[in-house]
């Protein structure tokens, strides 16, 4: 009979240390006390699905409608003998747009606040017009968004136009977590 996970008990990165004792894999008699499922972000939006865990087990996930999974979620099974399941999001290709630092030594004038505002608006418009979710890293002054193919880098370089002088684009592979207030699903 298929084991089914129906409840999100917490998140490893928020409150899971109490449940899992950090990142350490604990065992009892050689049996792990939890299992892991690695999933692409698109599959994490599905509330019902079959997944294969790292231990090789095929299990079901059946969450209440509208509930989505997040990287680090800890699921509990209806079967008390089945260990908790940690959801691990798989890395995906993203473009990282890094806002370049304005250094007075570069013979480059410090941008006026209006110029910086305009730069942010142009980049936001270009990415939003392509219906891409974004992730913002204020500390590193970057915005990242998912892509399907490396060729999209050239496309976005062209779309950013003159703003490209103030922004450096690169491709990375990372766990993409959309900004909570900027997750795009389409026109409403």
N, C-alpha and C. Protein backbone atom coordinates (compact mmCIF):
# COMPACT_ATOMS: atom_id res chain seq x y z
N UNK A 1 0.84 -1.18 0.00
CA UNK A 1 0.00 0.00 0.00
C UNK A 1 0.89 1.24 0.00
N UNK A 2 0.48 2.24 -0.73
CA UNK A 2 1.24 3.48 -0.89
C UNK A 2 1.14 4.35 0.36
N UNK A 3 2.28 4.79 0.86
CA UNK A 3 2.29 5.74 1.98
C UNK A 3 1.99 7.13 1.43
N UNK A 4 1.14 7.87 2.13
CA UNK A 4 0.72 9.19 1.68
C UNK A 4 1.03 10.22 2.75
N UNK A 5 1.65 11.32 2.32
CA UNK A 5 1.95 12.45 3.21
C UNK A 5 0.85 13.50 3.02
N UNK A 6 0.20 13.87 4.13
CA UNK A 6 -0.95 14.76 4.04
C UNK A 6 -0.81 16.05 4.85
N UNK A 7 0.27 16.16 5.62
CA UNK A 7 0.38 17.31 6.52
C UNK A 7 1.79 17.91 6.48
N UNK A 8 1.85 19.25 6.40
CA UNK A 8 3.13 19.94 6.53
C UNK A 8 3.31 20.24 8.01
N UNK A 9 4.31 19.60 8.62
CA UNK A 9 4.53 19.71 10.07
C UNK A 9 5.40 20.90 10.44
N UNK A 10 6.08 21.48 9.46
CA UNK A 10 6.97 22.61 9.73
C UNK A 10 7.93 22.77 8.58
N UNK A 11 8.96 23.57 8.80
CA UNK A 11 9.97 23.80 7.79
C UNK A 11 11.34 23.70 8.44
N UNK A 12 12.21 22.95 7.82
CA UNK A 12 13.56 22.70 8.34
C UNK A 12 14.30 24.00 8.60
N UNK A 13 14.07 25.03 7.78
CA UNK A 13 14.81 26.28 7.92
C UNK A 13 14.17 27.25 8.89
N UNK A 14 12.91 27.01 9.24
CA UNK A 14 12.23 27.90 10.18
C UNK A 14 12.13 27.29 11.56
N UNK A 15 11.50 26.11 11.63
CA UNK A 15 11.28 25.50 12.94
C UNK A 15 11.63 24.03 12.98
N UNK A 16 12.30 23.55 11.94
CA UNK A 16 12.57 22.12 11.84
C UNK A 16 13.67 21.59 12.73
N UNK A 17 14.55 22.49 13.22
CA UNK A 17 15.64 21.99 14.07
C UNK A 17 15.10 21.25 15.27
N UNK A 18 13.96 21.69 15.78
CA UNK A 18 13.36 21.01 16.93
C UNK A 18 12.92 19.60 16.55
N UNK A 19 12.46 19.46 15.30
CA UNK A 19 11.94 18.17 14.86
C UNK A 19 13.03 17.24 14.34
N UNK A 20 14.08 17.82 13.72
CA UNK A 20 15.08 17.00 13.03
C UNK A 20 16.47 17.08 13.62
N UNK A 21 16.66 17.87 14.64
CA UNK A 21 17.98 18.04 15.26
C UNK A 21 18.99 18.54 14.23
N UNK A 22 18.62 19.64 13.52
CA UNK A 22 19.51 20.26 12.55
C UNK A 22 19.63 19.44 11.29
N UNK A 23 20.77 19.53 10.63
CA UNK A 23 21.00 18.84 9.37
C UNK A 23 21.49 17.41 9.56
N UNK A 24 21.79 17.02 10.79
CA UNK A 24 22.36 15.69 11.03
C UNK A 24 21.33 14.61 10.72
N UNK A 25 21.77 13.62 9.96
CA UNK A 25 20.89 12.48 9.70
C UNK A 25 20.98 11.56 10.90
N UNK A 26 19.90 11.48 11.62
CA UNK A 26 19.89 10.59 12.78
C UNK A 26 19.34 9.24 12.35
N UNK A 27 19.80 8.21 12.99
CA UNK A 27 19.32 6.87 12.67
C UNK A 27 18.94 6.14 13.95
N UNK A 28 18.07 5.18 13.78
CA UNK A 28 17.69 4.29 14.88
C UNK A 28 17.82 2.89 14.33
N UNK A 29 18.80 2.15 14.84
CA UNK A 29 19.01 0.79 14.35
C UNK A 29 19.34 0.75 12.87
N UNK A 30 20.06 1.77 12.37
CA UNK A 30 20.43 1.81 10.96
C UNK A 30 19.35 2.40 10.07
N UNK A 31 18.17 2.72 10.61
CA UNK A 31 17.08 3.28 9.82
C UNK A 31 17.02 4.79 10.04
N UNK A 32 17.03 5.56 8.93
CA UNK A 32 16.96 7.00 9.05
C UNK A 32 15.62 7.42 9.62
N UNK A 33 15.65 8.47 10.42
CA UNK A 33 14.42 8.97 11.03
C UNK A 33 13.67 9.94 10.12
N UNK A 34 14.23 10.23 8.94
CA UNK A 34 13.52 11.02 7.95
C UNK A 34 14.02 10.66 6.57
N UNK A 35 13.24 11.01 5.55
CA UNK A 35 13.59 10.75 4.16
C UNK A 35 13.53 12.10 3.44
N UNK A 36 14.04 12.15 2.22
CA UNK A 36 14.09 13.39 1.46
C UNK A 36 13.56 13.16 0.06
N UNK A 37 12.85 14.15 -0.45
CA UNK A 37 12.41 14.14 -1.85
C UNK A 37 12.93 15.42 -2.50
N UNK A 38 13.67 15.27 -3.60
CA UNK A 38 14.19 16.41 -4.35
C UNK A 38 13.21 16.68 -5.49
N UNK A 39 12.73 17.94 -5.56
CA UNK A 39 11.68 18.27 -6.53
C UNK A 39 11.98 19.58 -7.24
N UNK A 40 11.60 19.67 -8.53
CA UNK A 40 11.68 20.96 -9.20
C UNK A 40 10.61 21.91 -8.65
N UNK A 41 10.86 23.21 -8.75
CA UNK A 41 9.94 24.22 -8.22
C UNK A 41 8.53 24.06 -8.80
N UNK A 42 8.42 23.73 -10.08
CA UNK A 42 7.11 23.59 -10.71
C UNK A 42 6.29 22.49 -10.03
N UNK A 43 6.93 21.38 -9.66
CA UNK A 43 6.21 20.28 -9.00
C UNK A 43 5.80 20.64 -7.58
N UNK A 44 6.52 21.57 -6.96
CA UNK A 44 6.22 21.94 -5.58
C UNK A 44 4.89 22.71 -5.48
N UNK A 45 4.38 23.17 -6.61
CA UNK A 45 3.09 23.87 -6.63
C UNK A 45 1.91 22.90 -6.69
N UNK A 46 2.18 21.63 -6.91
CA UNK A 46 1.12 20.63 -7.02
C UNK A 46 0.77 20.11 -5.63
N UNK A 47 -0.52 20.04 -5.34
CA UNK A 47 -0.92 19.55 -4.02
C UNK A 47 -1.10 18.04 -3.98
N UNK A 48 -1.21 17.40 -5.16
CA UNK A 48 -1.34 15.94 -5.22
C UNK A 48 -0.37 15.40 -6.26
N UNK A 49 0.47 14.43 -5.82
CA UNK A 49 1.43 13.85 -6.75
C UNK A 49 2.12 12.64 -6.13
N UNK A 50 2.77 11.87 -7.00
CA UNK A 50 3.62 10.76 -6.57
C UNK A 50 5.06 11.22 -6.71
N UNK A 51 5.89 10.89 -5.72
CA UNK A 51 7.31 11.25 -5.77
C UNK A 51 8.15 10.05 -5.34
N UNK A 52 9.39 10.02 -5.81
CA UNK A 52 10.34 9.00 -5.38
C UNK A 52 11.31 9.69 -4.43
N UNK A 53 11.51 9.08 -3.26
CA UNK A 53 12.38 9.67 -2.25
C UNK A 53 13.81 9.22 -2.46
N UNK A 54 14.74 9.83 -1.74
CA UNK A 54 16.15 9.45 -1.85
C UNK A 54 16.37 8.01 -1.43
N UNK A 55 15.52 7.49 -0.53
CA UNK A 55 15.66 6.09 -0.11
C UNK A 55 15.13 5.12 -1.16
N UNK A 56 14.49 5.65 -2.21
CA UNK A 56 13.95 4.81 -3.28
C UNK A 56 12.48 4.50 -3.15
N UNK A 57 11.83 4.94 -2.08
CA UNK A 57 10.41 4.67 -1.89
C UNK A 57 9.56 5.58 -2.78
N UNK A 58 8.48 5.04 -3.30
CA UNK A 58 7.50 5.85 -4.01
C UNK A 58 6.39 6.17 -3.02
N UNK A 59 6.14 7.46 -2.82
CA UNK A 59 5.14 7.90 -1.85
C UNK A 59 4.23 8.93 -2.50
N UNK A 60 3.07 9.09 -1.91
CA UNK A 60 2.12 10.08 -2.39
C UNK A 60 2.16 11.33 -1.52
N UNK A 61 1.87 12.45 -2.14
CA UNK A 61 1.67 13.70 -1.41
C UNK A 61 0.26 14.15 -1.73
N UNK A 62 -0.53 14.37 -0.69
CA UNK A 62 -1.92 14.79 -0.87
C UNK A 62 -2.21 15.89 0.16
N UNK A 63 -1.97 17.13 -0.25
CA UNK A 63 -2.18 18.27 0.64
C UNK A 63 -3.52 18.91 0.32
N UNK A 64 -4.01 19.74 1.23
CA UNK A 64 -5.27 20.42 0.96
C UNK A 64 -5.11 21.33 -0.25
N UNK A 65 -6.19 21.51 -0.99
CA UNK A 65 -6.18 22.29 -2.23
C UNK A 65 -5.60 23.68 -1.99
N UNK A 66 -4.72 24.10 -2.92
CA UNK A 66 -4.13 25.43 -2.83
C UNK A 66 -2.87 25.48 -1.99
N UNK A 67 -2.55 24.44 -1.29
CA UNK A 67 -1.36 24.40 -0.45
C UNK A 67 -0.16 24.04 -1.32
N UNK A 68 0.91 24.80 -1.25
CA UNK A 68 2.11 24.51 -2.03
C UNK A 68 3.26 24.20 -1.10
N UNK A 69 4.23 23.49 -1.63
CA UNK A 69 5.40 23.12 -0.86
C UNK A 69 6.48 24.18 -0.99
N UNK A 70 7.32 24.28 0.03
CA UNK A 70 8.47 25.17 0.03
C UNK A 70 9.73 24.36 0.35
N UNK A 71 10.85 24.86 -0.10
CA UNK A 71 12.13 24.23 0.18
C UNK A 71 12.29 24.08 1.69
N UNK A 72 12.51 22.85 2.15
CA UNK A 72 12.71 22.60 3.57
C UNK A 72 11.46 22.16 4.32
N UNK A 73 10.31 22.10 3.64
CA UNK A 73 9.09 21.66 4.33
C UNK A 73 9.25 20.23 4.83
N UNK A 74 8.67 19.98 5.99
CA UNK A 74 8.71 18.66 6.61
C UNK A 74 7.28 18.11 6.57
N UNK A 75 7.11 16.98 5.88
CA UNK A 75 5.78 16.38 5.73
C UNK A 75 5.65 15.16 6.64
N UNK A 76 4.44 14.95 7.14
CA UNK A 76 4.13 13.77 7.94
C UNK A 76 3.20 12.86 7.16
N UNK A 77 3.44 11.57 7.30
CA UNK A 77 2.63 10.57 6.61
C UNK A 77 1.46 10.14 7.48
N UNK A 78 0.44 9.61 6.81
CA UNK A 78 -0.67 8.98 7.54
C UNK A 78 -0.20 7.71 8.24
N UNK A 79 0.87 7.11 7.70
CA UNK A 79 1.43 5.89 8.26
C UNK A 79 2.45 6.27 9.35
N UNK A 80 2.15 5.99 10.62
CA UNK A 80 3.07 6.38 11.68
C UNK A 80 4.45 5.71 11.61
N UNK A 81 4.57 4.61 10.85
CA UNK A 81 5.85 3.94 10.70
C UNK A 81 6.73 4.60 9.64
N UNK A 82 6.12 5.45 8.81
CA UNK A 82 6.87 6.14 7.74
C UNK A 82 7.53 7.38 8.32
N UNK A 83 8.85 7.57 8.08
CA UNK A 83 9.54 8.73 8.65
C UNK A 83 9.07 10.04 8.00
N UNK A 84 9.28 11.17 8.67
CA UNK A 84 8.96 12.46 8.07
C UNK A 84 9.72 12.63 6.75
N UNK A 85 9.14 13.39 5.84
CA UNK A 85 9.72 13.62 4.52
C UNK A 85 10.12 15.08 4.40
N UNK A 86 11.39 15.33 4.10
CA UNK A 86 11.87 16.70 3.89
C UNK A 86 11.85 16.99 2.40
N UNK A 87 11.25 18.11 2.03
CA UNK A 87 11.21 18.53 0.63
C UNK A 87 12.44 19.37 0.34
N UNK A 88 13.19 18.96 -0.67
CA UNK A 88 14.38 19.70 -1.08
C UNK A 88 14.15 20.18 -2.51
N UNK A 89 14.17 21.47 -2.72
CA UNK A 89 13.97 22.02 -4.06
C UNK A 89 15.24 21.85 -4.87
N UNK A 90 15.09 21.42 -6.12
CA UNK A 90 16.26 21.25 -6.97
C UNK A 90 16.68 22.61 -7.54
N UNK A 91 17.98 22.81 -7.71
CA UNK A 91 18.46 24.06 -8.30
C UNK A 91 17.99 24.18 -9.75
N UNK A 92 17.85 25.43 -10.22
CA UNK A 92 17.45 25.67 -11.60
C UNK A 92 18.26 26.83 -12.16
N UNK A 93 18.24 26.95 -13.49
CA UNK A 93 18.97 28.03 -14.14
C UNK A 93 18.25 29.35 -13.92
N UNK A 94 19.03 30.36 -13.57
CA UNK A 94 18.49 31.71 -13.41
C UNK A 94 19.46 32.71 -14.03
N UNK A 95 18.91 33.87 -14.38
CA UNK A 95 19.76 35.01 -14.72
C UNK A 95 19.84 35.85 -13.46
N UNK A 96 21.05 36.23 -13.10
CA UNK A 96 21.28 37.12 -11.97
C UNK A 96 21.65 38.48 -12.54
N UNK A 97 20.84 39.49 -12.21
CA UNK A 97 21.12 40.87 -12.61
C UNK A 97 21.73 41.58 -11.41
N UNK A 98 23.00 41.94 -11.53
CA UNK A 98 23.72 42.62 -10.44
C UNK A 98 23.81 44.10 -10.76
N UNK A 99 23.29 44.90 -9.85
CA UNK A 99 23.38 46.35 -10.00
C UNK A 99 24.80 46.75 -9.66
N UNK A 100 25.50 47.32 -10.63
CA UNK A 100 26.91 47.64 -10.46
C UNK A 100 27.09 48.79 -9.47
N UNK A 101 28.14 48.70 -8.69
CA UNK A 101 28.45 49.75 -7.72
C UNK A 101 29.00 50.96 -8.46
N UNK A 102 28.59 52.12 -8.03
CA UNK A 102 29.10 53.34 -8.64
C UNK A 102 30.31 53.78 -7.84
N UNK A 103 31.47 53.68 -8.46
CA UNK A 103 32.74 54.01 -7.81
C UNK A 103 33.27 55.31 -8.39
N UNK A 104 33.44 56.35 -7.56
CA UNK A 104 33.92 57.64 -8.07
C UNK A 104 35.28 57.53 -8.76
N UNK A 105 36.08 56.52 -8.44
CA UNK A 105 37.40 56.34 -9.05
C UNK A 105 37.28 55.90 -10.52
N UNK A 106 36.11 55.44 -10.93
CA UNK A 106 35.92 54.97 -12.30
C UNK A 106 35.59 56.09 -13.27
N UNK A 107 35.75 57.34 -12.84
CA UNK A 107 35.36 58.50 -13.66
C UNK A 107 33.89 58.38 -14.08
N UNK A 108 33.11 57.92 -13.17
CA UNK A 108 31.70 57.69 -13.44
C UNK A 108 30.93 58.40 -12.35
N UNK A 109 30.10 59.32 -12.73
CA UNK A 109 29.36 60.12 -11.75
C UNK A 109 28.39 59.25 -10.97
N UNK A 110 28.29 59.55 -9.69
CA UNK A 110 27.30 58.89 -8.84
C UNK A 110 25.92 59.18 -9.42
N UNK A 111 25.10 58.17 -9.62
CA UNK A 111 23.80 58.42 -10.25
C UNK A 111 22.89 59.22 -9.33
N UNK A 112 22.12 60.02 -9.93
CA UNK A 112 21.10 60.77 -9.21
C UNK A 112 20.01 59.79 -8.80
N UNK A 113 19.35 60.03 -7.70
CA UNK A 113 18.31 59.12 -7.21
C UNK A 113 17.27 58.85 -8.29
N UNK A 114 16.94 59.87 -9.10
CA UNK A 114 15.96 59.68 -10.17
C UNK A 114 16.47 58.70 -11.22
N UNK A 115 17.79 58.74 -11.51
CA UNK A 115 18.38 57.82 -12.49
C UNK A 115 18.32 56.38 -11.97
N UNK A 116 18.61 56.21 -10.70
CA UNK A 116 18.58 54.87 -10.10
C UNK A 116 17.15 54.35 -10.08
N UNK A 117 16.21 55.21 -9.76
CA UNK A 117 14.79 54.84 -9.78
C UNK A 117 14.39 54.39 -11.18
N UNK A 118 14.82 55.17 -12.19
CA UNK A 118 14.49 54.83 -13.57
C UNK A 118 15.09 53.48 -13.96
N UNK A 119 16.33 53.24 -13.56
CA UNK A 119 16.99 51.96 -13.84
C UNK A 119 16.19 50.80 -13.25
N UNK A 120 15.79 50.93 -12.01
CA UNK A 120 15.01 49.87 -11.35
C UNK A 120 13.67 49.66 -12.05
N UNK A 121 13.05 50.75 -12.48
CA UNK A 121 11.75 50.63 -13.15
C UNK A 121 11.88 49.93 -14.51
N UNK A 122 12.93 50.28 -15.26
CA UNK A 122 13.13 49.65 -16.57
C UNK A 122 13.36 48.15 -16.40
N UNK A 123 14.21 47.78 -15.48
CA UNK A 123 14.50 46.37 -15.26
C UNK A 123 13.26 45.63 -14.77
N UNK A 124 12.54 46.24 -13.84
CA UNK A 124 11.30 45.63 -13.35
C UNK A 124 10.28 45.44 -14.46
N UNK A 125 10.17 46.43 -15.34
CA UNK A 125 9.23 46.34 -16.46
C UNK A 125 9.62 45.22 -17.42
N UNK A 126 10.91 45.14 -17.77
CA UNK A 126 11.37 44.12 -18.71
C UNK A 126 11.12 42.72 -18.16
N UNK A 127 11.50 42.50 -16.92
CA UNK A 127 11.32 41.16 -16.33
C UNK A 127 9.83 40.86 -16.17
N UNK A 128 9.06 41.83 -15.68
CA UNK A 128 7.62 41.62 -15.48
C UNK A 128 6.88 41.40 -16.77
N UNK A 129 7.30 42.08 -17.83
CA UNK A 129 6.65 41.93 -19.13
C UNK A 129 6.85 40.52 -19.69
N UNK A 130 7.87 39.84 -19.21
CA UNK A 130 8.13 38.46 -19.60
C UNK A 130 7.49 37.48 -18.61
N UNK A 131 6.73 38.00 -17.67
CA UNK A 131 6.02 37.18 -16.68
C UNK A 131 6.94 36.25 -15.90
N UNK A 132 8.07 36.77 -15.45
CA UNK A 132 9.02 35.99 -14.67
C UNK A 132 8.92 36.36 -13.20
N UNK A 133 8.86 35.37 -12.33
CA UNK A 133 8.96 35.68 -10.90
C UNK A 133 10.37 36.15 -10.61
N UNK A 134 10.55 36.91 -9.54
CA UNK A 134 11.87 37.41 -9.20
C UNK A 134 12.23 37.05 -7.77
N UNK A 135 13.53 37.01 -7.52
CA UNK A 135 14.06 36.87 -6.18
C UNK A 135 15.01 38.04 -5.98
N UNK A 136 14.86 38.74 -4.86
CA UNK A 136 15.65 39.95 -4.61
C UNK A 136 16.64 39.69 -3.48
N UNK A 137 17.90 40.07 -3.72
CA UNK A 137 18.92 39.98 -2.68
C UNK A 137 19.46 41.39 -2.47
N UNK A 138 18.91 42.09 -1.47
CA UNK A 138 19.28 43.47 -1.20
C UNK A 138 20.72 43.63 -0.77
N UNK A 139 21.23 42.64 -0.06
CA UNK A 139 22.60 42.71 0.43
C UNK A 139 23.60 42.69 -0.73
N UNK A 140 23.34 41.85 -1.71
CA UNK A 140 24.25 41.75 -2.86
C UNK A 140 23.81 42.63 -4.03
N UNK A 141 22.68 43.34 -3.86
CA UNK A 141 22.13 44.21 -4.90
C UNK A 141 21.89 43.43 -6.20
N UNK A 142 21.19 42.28 -6.07
CA UNK A 142 20.88 41.47 -7.23
C UNK A 142 19.40 41.15 -7.29
N UNK A 143 18.96 40.88 -8.51
CA UNK A 143 17.64 40.35 -8.78
C UNK A 143 17.87 39.13 -9.66
N UNK A 144 17.22 38.01 -9.33
CA UNK A 144 17.37 36.84 -10.19
C UNK A 144 15.99 36.37 -10.63
N UNK A 145 15.97 35.69 -11.77
CA UNK A 145 14.71 35.17 -12.32
C UNK A 145 15.03 33.93 -13.15
N UNK A 146 14.09 32.96 -13.18
CA UNK A 146 14.36 31.68 -13.85
C UNK A 146 14.37 31.82 -15.38
N UNK A 147 15.17 30.95 -16.00
CA UNK A 147 15.24 30.86 -17.46
C UNK A 147 15.18 29.40 -17.87
N UNK A 148 14.90 29.17 -19.15
CA UNK A 148 14.87 27.81 -19.68
C UNK A 148 16.18 27.44 -20.37
N UNK A 149 16.83 28.45 -21.01
CA UNK A 149 18.00 28.17 -21.82
C UNK A 149 19.01 29.30 -21.70
N UNK A 150 20.29 28.98 -21.86
CA UNK A 150 21.36 29.98 -21.77
C UNK A 150 21.18 31.10 -22.79
N UNK A 151 20.54 30.81 -23.93
CA UNK A 151 20.37 31.82 -24.98
C UNK A 151 19.53 33.01 -24.50
N UNK A 152 18.77 32.84 -23.43
CA UNK A 152 17.96 33.94 -22.92
C UNK A 152 18.81 35.07 -22.35
N UNK A 153 20.04 34.79 -22.00
CA UNK A 153 20.93 35.84 -21.50
C UNK A 153 21.08 36.94 -22.55
N UNK A 154 21.36 36.54 -23.77
CA UNK A 154 21.51 37.52 -24.86
C UNK A 154 20.21 38.29 -25.08
N UNK A 155 19.10 37.62 -25.00
CA UNK A 155 17.80 38.28 -25.16
C UNK A 155 17.62 39.36 -24.11
N UNK A 156 17.89 39.03 -22.86
CA UNK A 156 17.69 40.02 -21.79
C UNK A 156 18.73 41.14 -21.87
N UNK A 157 19.93 40.84 -22.31
CA UNK A 157 20.92 41.90 -22.50
C UNK A 157 20.39 42.93 -23.50
N UNK A 158 19.77 42.43 -24.58
CA UNK A 158 19.19 43.33 -25.57
C UNK A 158 17.98 44.09 -25.03
N UNK A 159 17.15 43.41 -24.25
CA UNK A 159 15.95 44.07 -23.70
C UNK A 159 16.30 45.15 -22.69
N UNK A 160 17.37 44.94 -21.94
CA UNK A 160 17.75 45.94 -20.94
C UNK A 160 18.33 47.19 -21.61
N UNK A 161 18.81 47.05 -22.85
CA UNK A 161 19.30 48.20 -23.60
C UNK A 161 20.32 49.01 -22.85
N UNK A 162 20.09 50.33 -22.76
CA UNK A 162 21.05 51.22 -22.11
C UNK A 162 21.20 50.94 -20.63
N UNK A 163 20.18 50.35 -20.01
CA UNK A 163 20.29 50.01 -18.59
C UNK A 163 21.39 48.97 -18.38
N UNK A 164 21.75 48.27 -19.45
CA UNK A 164 22.79 47.25 -19.38
C UNK A 164 24.16 47.78 -18.96
N UNK A 165 24.38 49.08 -19.13
CA UNK A 165 25.65 49.66 -18.69
C UNK A 165 25.76 49.69 -17.17
N UNK A 166 24.63 49.66 -16.49
CA UNK A 166 24.61 49.77 -15.04
C UNK A 166 24.26 48.44 -14.36
N UNK A 167 24.05 47.40 -15.18
CA UNK A 167 23.65 46.09 -14.66
C UNK A 167 24.48 45.02 -15.35
N UNK A 168 24.99 44.09 -14.56
CA UNK A 168 25.75 42.96 -15.09
C UNK A 168 24.88 41.72 -15.01
N UNK A 169 24.72 41.04 -16.13
CA UNK A 169 23.90 39.83 -16.18
C UNK A 169 24.79 38.60 -16.25
N UNK A 170 24.40 37.56 -15.51
CA UNK A 170 25.11 36.28 -15.57
C UNK A 170 24.13 35.15 -15.33
N UNK A 171 24.54 33.95 -15.71
CA UNK A 171 23.71 32.77 -15.51
C UNK A 171 24.25 32.01 -14.30
N UNK A 172 23.33 31.56 -13.45
CA UNK A 172 23.71 30.77 -12.28
C UNK A 172 22.74 29.60 -12.16
N UNK A 173 23.10 28.65 -11.35
CA UNK A 173 22.21 27.52 -11.03
C UNK A 173 22.03 27.56 -9.53
N UNK A 174 20.77 27.80 -9.09
CA UNK A 174 20.51 27.95 -7.66
C UNK A 174 19.09 27.53 -7.32
N UNK A 175 18.85 27.39 -6.04
CA UNK A 175 17.48 27.14 -5.57
C UNK A 175 16.77 28.47 -5.62
N UNK A 176 15.81 28.58 -6.52
CA UNK A 176 15.10 29.84 -6.74
C UNK A 176 13.85 29.89 -5.87
N UNK A 177 13.80 30.89 -5.02
CA UNK A 177 12.63 31.10 -4.18
C UNK A 177 12.06 32.46 -4.53
N UNK A 178 10.88 32.52 -5.18
CA UNK A 178 10.32 33.80 -5.59
C UNK A 178 10.06 34.72 -4.40
N UNK A 179 10.23 36.01 -4.62
CA UNK A 179 9.91 37.01 -3.61
C UNK A 179 8.42 36.89 -3.32
N UNK A 180 8.05 36.88 -2.04
CA UNK A 180 6.66 36.65 -1.65
C UNK A 180 5.70 37.65 -2.25
N UNK A 181 6.11 38.90 -2.40
CA UNK A 181 5.21 39.91 -2.92
C UNK A 181 5.29 40.08 -4.42
N UNK A 182 6.14 39.30 -5.08
CA UNK A 182 6.35 39.50 -6.51
C UNK A 182 6.27 38.20 -7.31
N UNK A 183 5.56 37.20 -6.80
CA UNK A 183 5.42 35.93 -7.51
C UNK A 183 4.34 36.12 -8.59
N UNK A 184 4.75 36.03 -9.86
CA UNK A 184 3.87 36.33 -10.98
C UNK A 184 3.15 35.05 -11.44
N UNK A 185 1.86 35.16 -11.60
CA UNK A 185 1.09 34.02 -12.11
C UNK A 185 0.34 34.37 -13.40
N UNK A 186 0.41 35.60 -13.83
CA UNK A 186 -0.27 36.00 -15.07
C UNK A 186 -1.19 37.18 -14.82
N UNK A 187 -1.90 37.55 -15.86
CA UNK A 187 -2.81 38.70 -15.77
C UNK A 187 -4.06 38.32 -15.00
N UNK A 188 -4.59 39.29 -14.25
CA UNK A 188 -5.82 39.01 -13.49
C UNK A 188 -6.94 39.90 -13.94
